[in-house]
Structures are given as C-alpha cells and as structure tokens.
Amino acid sequence: MCSEEFEARRKSSSGLMEWLGRGASPLRVHWVDGSAMAPTLRPGDAVFVLPTTCYEGEGIYLVEDGGDVPSLFRAMTGASREDIRLSFDAAPHSAFTMPRDRFNERVLGLVVAELRVTQPSKARKALGASRTP
C-alpha cells in the first residue's frame, strides 16, 4: 500500500520546478538545523521531503521524536524486519531501533532531494522558511 501511494504521487507531477512553483507539489522544504546528519547534511541546508505514512526502504526520514521540531534520521531495516534502525550520520554508534508500526505512526516524510545552501538567508526567503510537512 505504501509503495503504491509513493508511486502515485511521483507520477502526478512532471518536475521539481513545477512542484515548487505552483504549490501543487506534495514536496515540502525542511531546513536542516544542527549537525546530527553531518557530513551528509549541514546546518542551513534544505531537504525536500515527500510526505509518507510508512517506511519506504533505506533513506533519510523526517520523524516526530517528541521535540519541538521533527528530526532527520537515517533509517534502515533492523535485525528483525519488524524493526527500523534509526541513526544520525554524525553519531552512527548512537543508533537505536523502533518497531515498524511505531515508526509508521511518527514518520512525516522521506527525504527525496538535498540542497547544499551557500546563502541560507536568501535561500530561506526564496523557498519559504516554514514549508515543512
């Protein structure tokens, strides 16, 4: 079910610029704060997040973790197919597992693109500072 949803959303758009320019995109911009995902993502970078309600395979996900702002985690299948292993790139040794059903309740989206930002204030103004899922 989850993969079918993902594929339907992907097919409904004809390009990133159309998605971003017309507001019809399912993609949302999330600004990276902190260095937990370094070196992959740096503070001030932007990621484009496709909303999802379930684990779609290995990747970087935006997940509600009880804080004020959702966090980005690298996610992969755990030792058991029913578990998801979550970690930060900057501290892979601090990985933890979460039951798949609990992950599916907390996941907000899958990162589908990364934007290395060289002028954060101008980029935030151009892309919108609060466009998160």
N, C-alpha and C. Protein backbone atom coordinates (compact mmCIF):
# COMPACT_ATOMS: atom_id res chain seq x y z
N MET A 1 0.82 -1.19 0.00
CA MET A 1 0.00 0.00 0.00
C MET A 1 0.86 1.25 0.00
N CYS A 2 1.86 1.29 0.84
CA CYS A 2 2.69 2.47 0.96
C CYS A 2 3.41 2.77 -0.36
N SER A 3 3.99 1.76 -1.00
CA SER A 3 4.71 1.96 -2.25
C SER A 3 3.79 2.44 -3.36
N GLU A 4 2.55 1.97 -3.37
CA GLU A 4 1.59 2.42 -4.37
C GLU A 4 1.29 3.91 -4.21
N GLU A 5 1.14 4.36 -2.95
CA GLU A 5 0.92 5.78 -2.65
C GLU A 5 2.08 6.61 -3.17
N PHE A 6 3.31 6.16 -2.89
CA PHE A 6 4.52 6.85 -3.29
C PHE A 6 4.56 6.98 -4.81
N GLU A 7 4.31 5.90 -5.51
CA GLU A 7 4.36 5.89 -6.97
C GLU A 7 3.28 6.79 -7.57
N ALA A 8 2.10 6.79 -7.00
CA ALA A 8 1.02 7.64 -7.50
C ALA A 8 1.39 9.11 -7.35
N ARG A 9 1.98 9.49 -6.22
CA ARG A 9 2.40 10.88 -6.03
C ARG A 9 3.50 11.26 -7.00
N ARG A 10 4.44 10.32 -7.21
CA ARG A 10 5.54 10.60 -8.12
C ARG A 10 5.03 10.84 -9.54
N LYS A 11 4.09 10.02 -9.98
CA LYS A 11 3.56 10.13 -11.34
C LYS A 11 2.68 11.36 -11.53
N SER A 12 2.15 11.91 -10.45
CA SER A 12 1.22 13.03 -10.58
C SER A 12 1.91 14.35 -10.86
N SER A 13 3.23 14.39 -10.84
CA SER A 13 3.96 15.62 -11.08
C SER A 13 4.92 15.45 -12.24
N SER A 14 5.15 16.55 -12.95
CA SER A 14 6.02 16.45 -14.11
C SER A 14 7.39 17.07 -13.89
N GLY A 15 7.68 17.57 -12.71
CA GLY A 15 9.01 18.11 -12.47
C GLY A 15 9.11 18.87 -11.17
N LEU A 16 10.32 18.94 -10.66
CA LEU A 16 10.56 19.61 -9.39
C LEU A 16 10.18 21.07 -9.43
N MET A 17 10.55 21.79 -10.47
CA MET A 17 10.24 23.22 -10.52
C MET A 17 8.73 23.45 -10.58
N GLU A 18 8.01 22.59 -11.28
CA GLU A 18 6.55 22.70 -11.30
C GLU A 18 6.00 22.48 -9.90
N TRP A 19 6.50 21.47 -9.21
CA TRP A 19 6.07 21.18 -7.84
C TRP A 19 6.27 22.39 -6.95
N LEU A 20 7.48 22.96 -7.01
CA LEU A 20 7.81 24.06 -6.12
C LEU A 20 7.11 25.35 -6.52
N GLY A 21 7.00 25.61 -7.81
CA GLY A 21 6.46 26.87 -8.28
C GLY A 21 4.96 27.02 -8.17
N ARG A 22 4.23 25.96 -8.28
CA ARG A 22 2.77 26.07 -8.32
C ARG A 22 2.09 25.67 -7.02
N GLY A 23 2.84 25.20 -6.07
CA GLY A 23 2.25 24.84 -4.80
C GLY A 23 1.45 23.55 -4.84
N ALA A 24 1.41 22.86 -5.99
CA ALA A 24 0.64 21.63 -6.11
C ALA A 24 1.47 20.42 -5.69
N SER A 25 2.72 20.66 -5.36
CA SER A 25 3.62 19.58 -5.05
C SER A 25 3.34 18.96 -3.70
N PRO A 26 3.52 17.66 -3.62
CA PRO A 26 3.47 17.04 -2.30
C PRO A 26 4.77 17.30 -1.53
N LEU A 27 5.82 17.76 -2.23
CA LEU A 27 7.10 18.01 -1.58
C LEU A 27 7.02 19.20 -0.64
N ARG A 28 7.75 19.10 0.46
CA ARG A 28 7.86 20.19 1.42
C ARG A 28 9.33 20.44 1.70
N VAL A 29 9.67 21.68 1.95
CA VAL A 29 11.04 22.04 2.29
C VAL A 29 11.21 21.95 3.80
N HIS A 30 12.29 21.31 4.23
CA HIS A 30 12.64 21.25 5.65
C HIS A 30 14.07 21.76 5.77
N TRP A 31 14.28 22.72 6.65
CA TRP A 31 15.60 23.31 6.84
C TRP A 31 16.37 22.54 7.90
N VAL A 32 17.61 22.23 7.60
CA VAL A 32 18.46 21.47 8.50
C VAL A 32 19.01 22.40 9.58
N ASP A 33 18.73 22.06 10.83
CA ASP A 33 19.27 22.77 11.98
C ASP A 33 20.14 21.77 12.73
N GLY A 34 21.31 22.16 13.11
CA GLY A 34 22.18 21.26 13.85
C GLY A 34 23.02 20.40 12.92
N SER A 35 23.95 19.67 13.53
CA SER A 35 24.91 18.90 12.76
C SER A 35 24.77 17.40 12.92
N ALA A 36 23.63 16.93 13.39
CA ALA A 36 23.44 15.50 13.63
C ALA A 36 23.57 14.66 12.36
N MET A 37 23.26 15.23 11.21
CA MET A 37 23.33 14.47 9.96
C MET A 37 24.58 14.81 9.13
N ALA A 38 25.53 15.54 9.74
CA ALA A 38 26.79 15.84 9.04
C ALA A 38 27.59 14.55 8.89
N PRO A 39 28.34 14.38 7.85
CA PRO A 39 28.62 15.35 6.81
C PRO A 39 27.61 15.34 5.66
N THR A 40 26.63 14.45 5.70
CA THR A 40 25.64 14.38 4.61
C THR A 40 24.88 15.69 4.47
N LEU A 41 24.39 16.21 5.59
CA LEU A 41 23.63 17.46 5.60
C LEU A 41 24.26 18.41 6.60
N ARG A 42 24.38 19.68 6.22
CA ARG A 42 24.97 20.69 7.09
C ARG A 42 23.88 21.64 7.58
N PRO A 43 24.12 22.30 8.73
CA PRO A 43 23.17 23.32 9.18
C PRO A 43 22.97 24.36 8.09
N GLY A 44 21.72 24.71 7.83
CA GLY A 44 21.40 25.68 6.78
C GLY A 44 21.02 25.04 5.46
N ASP A 45 21.35 23.75 5.26
CA ASP A 45 20.93 23.08 4.03
C ASP A 45 19.42 22.88 4.05
N ALA A 46 18.88 22.62 2.89
CA ALA A 46 17.45 22.32 2.77
C ALA A 46 17.30 20.91 2.22
N VAL A 47 16.27 20.23 2.67
CA VAL A 47 15.92 18.94 2.09
C VAL A 47 14.48 19.02 1.61
N PHE A 48 14.19 18.28 0.57
CA PHE A 48 12.85 18.19 0.04
C PHE A 48 12.27 16.87 0.53
N VAL A 49 11.16 16.97 1.23
CA VAL A 49 10.56 15.83 1.91
C VAL A 49 9.24 15.46 1.24
N LEU A 50 9.11 14.20 0.88
CA LEU A 50 7.86 13.68 0.34
C LEU A 50 7.08 13.07 1.50
N PRO A 51 5.91 13.62 1.83
CA PRO A 51 5.15 13.05 2.95
C PRO A 51 4.86 11.57 2.73
N THR A 52 4.97 10.81 3.80
CA THR A 52 4.66 9.38 3.77
C THR A 52 4.16 8.98 5.15
N THR A 53 3.49 7.86 5.19
CA THR A 53 2.96 7.35 6.45
C THR A 53 3.59 6.02 6.84
N CYS A 54 4.64 5.63 6.10
CA CYS A 54 5.26 4.35 6.41
C CYS A 54 6.68 4.28 5.87
N TYR A 55 7.40 3.28 6.32
CA TYR A 55 8.78 3.03 5.90
C TYR A 55 8.79 2.60 4.44
N GLU A 56 9.59 3.30 3.62
CA GLU A 56 9.67 3.02 2.18
C GLU A 56 10.99 2.38 1.78
N GLY A 57 11.79 1.99 2.74
CA GLY A 57 13.11 1.45 2.44
C GLY A 57 14.17 2.39 3.00
N GLU A 58 15.42 1.96 2.90
CA GLU A 58 16.52 2.73 3.48
C GLU A 58 16.57 4.15 2.93
N GLY A 59 16.82 5.11 3.81
CA GLY A 59 16.92 6.50 3.41
C GLY A 59 16.92 7.42 4.61
N ILE A 60 16.82 8.71 4.34
CA ILE A 60 16.73 9.71 5.39
C ILE A 60 15.27 10.12 5.52
N TYR A 61 14.77 10.07 6.75
CA TYR A 61 13.36 10.36 7.03
C TYR A 61 13.23 11.50 8.02
N LEU A 62 12.14 12.24 7.92
CA LEU A 62 11.78 13.25 8.90
C LEU A 62 10.78 12.58 9.84
N VAL A 63 11.13 12.57 11.14
CA VAL A 63 10.37 11.79 12.12
C VAL A 63 10.07 12.66 13.34
N GLU A 64 8.83 12.58 13.83
CA GLU A 64 8.49 13.22 15.10
C GLU A 64 9.14 12.41 16.20
N ASP A 65 9.95 13.08 17.01
CA ASP A 65 10.65 12.36 18.08
C ASP A 65 10.38 12.95 19.45
N GLY A 66 9.34 13.74 19.57
CA GLY A 66 8.98 14.31 20.86
C GLY A 66 9.54 15.70 21.11
N GLY A 67 10.42 16.18 20.25
CA GLY A 67 10.98 17.52 20.40
C GLY A 67 10.09 18.57 19.76
N ASP A 68 10.53 19.82 19.82
CA ASP A 68 9.77 20.92 19.23
C ASP A 68 9.72 20.84 17.71
N VAL A 69 10.80 20.35 17.12
CA VAL A 69 10.92 20.26 15.67
C VAL A 69 11.21 18.81 15.31
N PRO A 70 10.58 18.26 14.28
CA PRO A 70 10.88 16.89 13.87
C PRO A 70 12.37 16.75 13.53
N SER A 71 12.90 15.55 13.66
CA SER A 71 14.31 15.28 13.41
C SER A 71 14.52 14.45 12.16
N LEU A 72 15.67 14.63 11.55
CA LEU A 72 16.08 13.82 10.41
C LEU A 72 16.90 12.64 10.93
N PHE A 73 16.55 11.45 10.46
CA PHE A 73 17.26 10.23 10.83
C PHE A 73 17.55 9.41 9.59
N ARG A 74 18.67 8.70 9.60
CA ARG A 74 18.90 7.68 8.58
C ARG A 74 18.17 6.43 9.09
N ALA A 75 17.35 5.83 8.25
CA ALA A 75 16.56 4.66 8.65
C ALA A 75 16.86 3.49 7.73
N MET A 76 16.91 2.31 8.35
CA MET A 76 17.08 1.07 7.59
C MET A 76 16.42 -0.06 8.36
N THR A 77 16.16 -1.15 7.69
CA THR A 77 15.56 -2.30 8.35
C THR A 77 16.51 -2.81 9.41
N GLY A 78 15.94 -3.11 10.59
CA GLY A 78 16.75 -3.62 11.71
C GLY A 78 17.03 -5.11 11.57
N ALA A 79 17.52 -5.69 12.63
CA ALA A 79 17.84 -7.12 12.64
C ALA A 79 16.59 -7.94 12.34
N SER A 80 15.46 -7.48 12.81
CA SER A 80 14.17 -8.09 12.51
C SER A 80 13.47 -7.21 11.48
N ARG A 81 12.79 -7.79 10.52
CA ARG A 81 12.08 -6.99 9.51
C ARG A 81 10.99 -6.13 10.14
N GLU A 82 10.63 -6.43 11.37
CA GLU A 82 9.60 -5.65 12.07
C GLU A 82 10.19 -4.45 12.81
N ASP A 83 11.51 -4.29 12.77
CA ASP A 83 12.18 -3.17 13.44
C ASP A 83 12.84 -2.26 12.43
N ILE A 84 12.88 -0.97 12.75
CA ILE A 84 13.57 0.03 11.94
C ILE A 84 14.74 0.55 12.78
N ARG A 85 15.93 0.56 12.19
CA ARG A 85 17.12 1.08 12.86
C ARG A 85 17.28 2.54 12.47
N LEU A 86 17.35 3.43 13.46
CA LEU A 86 17.48 4.86 13.23
C LEU A 86 18.82 5.34 13.75
N SER A 87 19.46 6.23 12.99
CA SER A 87 20.74 6.78 13.44
C SER A 87 20.95 8.17 12.84
N PHE A 88 21.89 8.89 13.43
CA PHE A 88 22.37 10.15 12.88
C PHE A 88 23.69 9.86 12.18
N ASP A 89 23.95 10.51 11.05
CA ASP A 89 25.22 10.27 10.35
C ASP A 89 26.41 10.70 11.20
N ALA A 90 26.27 11.76 12.00
CA ALA A 90 27.38 12.25 12.81
C ALA A 90 27.68 11.34 14.00
N ALA A 91 26.74 10.50 14.37
CA ALA A 91 26.93 9.61 15.53
C ALA A 91 26.28 8.26 15.27
N PRO A 92 26.80 7.50 14.29
CA PRO A 92 26.16 6.23 13.96
C PRO A 92 26.16 5.22 15.11
N HIS A 93 27.09 5.38 16.05
CA HIS A 93 27.16 4.48 17.19
C HIS A 93 25.99 4.67 18.15
N SER A 94 25.26 5.75 18.01
CA SER A 94 24.11 6.00 18.90
C SER A 94 22.79 5.52 18.29
N ALA A 95 22.88 4.61 17.33
CA ALA A 95 21.69 4.09 16.67
C ALA A 95 20.77 3.38 17.66
N PHE A 96 19.49 3.39 17.36
CA PHE A 96 18.52 2.67 18.17
C PHE A 96 17.47 2.08 17.24
N THR A 97 16.73 1.11 17.73
CA THR A 97 15.68 0.50 16.92
C THR A 97 14.31 0.91 17.44
N MET A 98 13.37 0.87 16.53
CA MET A 98 11.99 1.22 16.83
C MET A 98 11.10 0.22 16.09
N PRO A 99 10.06 -0.28 16.72
CA PRO A 99 9.15 -1.16 16.00
C PRO A 99 8.58 -0.46 14.76
N ARG A 100 8.45 -1.19 13.67
CA ARG A 100 7.98 -0.61 12.41
C ARG A 100 6.64 0.11 12.58
N ASP A 101 5.71 -0.46 13.33
CA ASP A 101 4.41 0.19 13.48
C ASP A 101 4.53 1.52 14.22
N ARG A 102 5.43 1.60 15.19
CA ARG A 102 5.64 2.87 15.90
C ARG A 102 6.30 3.89 14.97
N PHE A 103 7.28 3.44 14.17
CA PHE A 103 7.91 4.32 13.18
C PHE A 103 6.84 4.87 12.24
N ASN A 104 5.97 4.01 11.75
CA ASN A 104 4.92 4.44 10.82
C ASN A 104 3.98 5.47 11.43
N GLU A 105 3.79 5.43 12.74
CA GLU A 105 2.96 6.43 13.43
C GLU A 105 3.67 7.78 13.52
N ARG A 106 5.00 7.78 13.55
CA ARG A 106 5.77 9.00 13.79
C ARG A 106 6.39 9.62 12.55
N VAL A 107 6.50 8.85 11.48
CA VAL A 107 7.17 9.36 10.28
C VAL A 107 6.33 10.45 9.61
N LEU A 108 7.01 11.49 9.17
CA LEU A 108 6.35 12.59 8.46
C LEU A 108 6.68 12.56 6.98
N GLY A 109 7.88 12.10 6.63
CA GLY A 109 8.24 12.09 5.23
C GLY A 109 9.60 11.50 4.96
N LEU A 110 9.84 11.25 3.69
CA LEU A 110 11.08 10.68 3.18
C LEU A 110 11.82 11.78 2.42
N VAL A 111 13.09 11.97 2.73
CA VAL A 111 13.91 12.96 2.01
C VAL A 111 14.19 12.42 0.61
N VAL A 112 13.79 13.19 -0.40
CA VAL A 112 13.99 12.77 -1.79
C VAL A 112 15.02 13.62 -2.52
N ALA A 113 15.40 14.76 -1.92
CA ALA A 113 16.43 15.61 -2.52
C ALA A 113 17.06 16.47 -1.43
N GLU A 114 18.33 16.78 -1.66
CA GLU A 114 19.08 17.61 -0.73
C GLU A 114 19.59 18.83 -1.49
N LEU A 115 19.60 19.97 -0.83
CA LEU A 115 20.09 21.19 -1.44
C LEU A 115 21.17 21.78 -0.54
N ARG A 116 22.41 21.79 -1.04
CA ARG A 116 23.52 22.39 -0.30
C ARG A 116 23.37 23.89 -0.47
N VAL A 117 23.16 24.60 0.61
CA VAL A 117 22.87 26.02 0.58
C VAL A 117 24.12 26.82 0.91
N THR A 118 24.44 27.78 0.05
CA THR A 118 25.60 28.64 0.29
C THR A 118 25.20 30.01 0.83
N GLN A 119 23.95 30.40 0.64
CA GLN A 119 23.43 31.67 1.13
C GLN A 119 22.12 31.39 1.87
N PRO A 120 22.20 30.87 3.10
CA PRO A 120 21.00 30.42 3.81
C PRO A 120 19.87 31.44 3.92
N SER A 121 20.17 32.69 4.24
CA SER A 121 19.09 33.66 4.43
C SER A 121 18.36 33.92 3.12
N LYS A 122 19.08 34.01 2.02
CA LYS A 122 18.45 34.24 0.72
C LYS A 122 17.66 33.00 0.27
N ALA A 123 18.21 31.82 0.53
CA ALA A 123 17.52 30.59 0.15
C ALA A 123 16.23 30.44 0.93
N ARG A 124 16.27 30.71 2.24
CA ARG A 124 15.05 30.61 3.06
C ARG A 124 13.97 31.56 2.55
N LYS A 125 14.37 32.75 2.18
CA LYS A 125 13.41 33.73 1.67
C LYS A 125 12.81 33.24 0.34
N ALA A 126 13.67 32.73 -0.53
CA ALA A 126 13.20 32.27 -1.85
C ALA A 126 12.33 31.03 -1.79
N LEU A 127 12.69 30.09 -0.92
CA LEU A 127 11.97 28.83 -0.84
C LEU A 127 10.88 28.82 0.22
N GLY A 128 10.89 29.77 1.10
CA GLY A 128 9.90 29.80 2.18
C GLY A 128 10.48 29.17 3.42
N ALA A 129 10.52 29.92 4.48
CA ALA A 129 11.18 29.45 5.70
C ALA A 129 10.39 28.40 6.45
N SER A 130 9.10 28.29 6.21
CA SER A 130 8.31 27.39 7.05
C SER A 130 7.58 26.31 6.28
N ARG A 131 8.07 25.92 5.12
CA ARG A 131 7.39 24.89 4.33
C ARG A 131 7.87 23.51 4.75
N THR A 132 7.34 23.03 5.85
CA THR A 132 7.66 21.67 6.30
C THR A 132 6.39 20.87 6.32
N PRO A 133 6.53 19.52 6.28
CA PRO A 133 5.31 18.69 6.27
C PRO A 133 4.50 18.84 7.53
